[in-house]
Amino acid sequence: PQYIRVASSNNYENFSSVRGRTSSDFTNAVNELENENYKSAISDLKTDIKKNPNELTTFYSYYILGITYLTEAHSDFAGLFDRYNQKDLSTAIRNFKKVLELNKSSLFKNVNSNTYFFIGKAYLLEENFNDAKKYLTKAIDSESEYSNEAEELLSSIK
């Protein structure tokens, strides 16, 4: 379907900002992501969260963890069509919702706006169209840096 082609066309593996996360585990995770070692990155991010649950910017580890699971969920069959692991999509959504729960600071509102986009995208890939529309609309309304992509995804839903 069109929405799968549109949702699969974007790559969010460039993590240039750390949002105040300076732990060695977070730094290791970013290095692993740069080398596309997703399983190691996931392990390091989980360790970071476990060791630093009450830090102001721990939400950002959840954010990167959500993006990593969303990226890891994708596979293709002999280059012919895209498939998505439903468990990884659900895990991505859970991590993104934790971002919204923890990021109450006004310092990083754009992270929440972008989180709405990623939740919407994950729901779309799960074919949960109602929730996808809800979160993609929130991304647009909150002026996410992915607003244009959110609009494109919304228009691809029939």
Foldseek 3Di string as FASTA:
>chain_A
DQLQVLLPPDDDLDDPDDQPDDDPLQVVLNVCSVVPVLVSSLVSLVVSCVVPVPDLPNLVSLLVNLSSLQVVQWDDDVPPDIGGDLVSLVSSLVSLVVSVVRNPDPPCVLSVLVSLQSNLSSCVNVVVNVSNLVSLVSSLVSVHPCVVSSVVSNVSPD
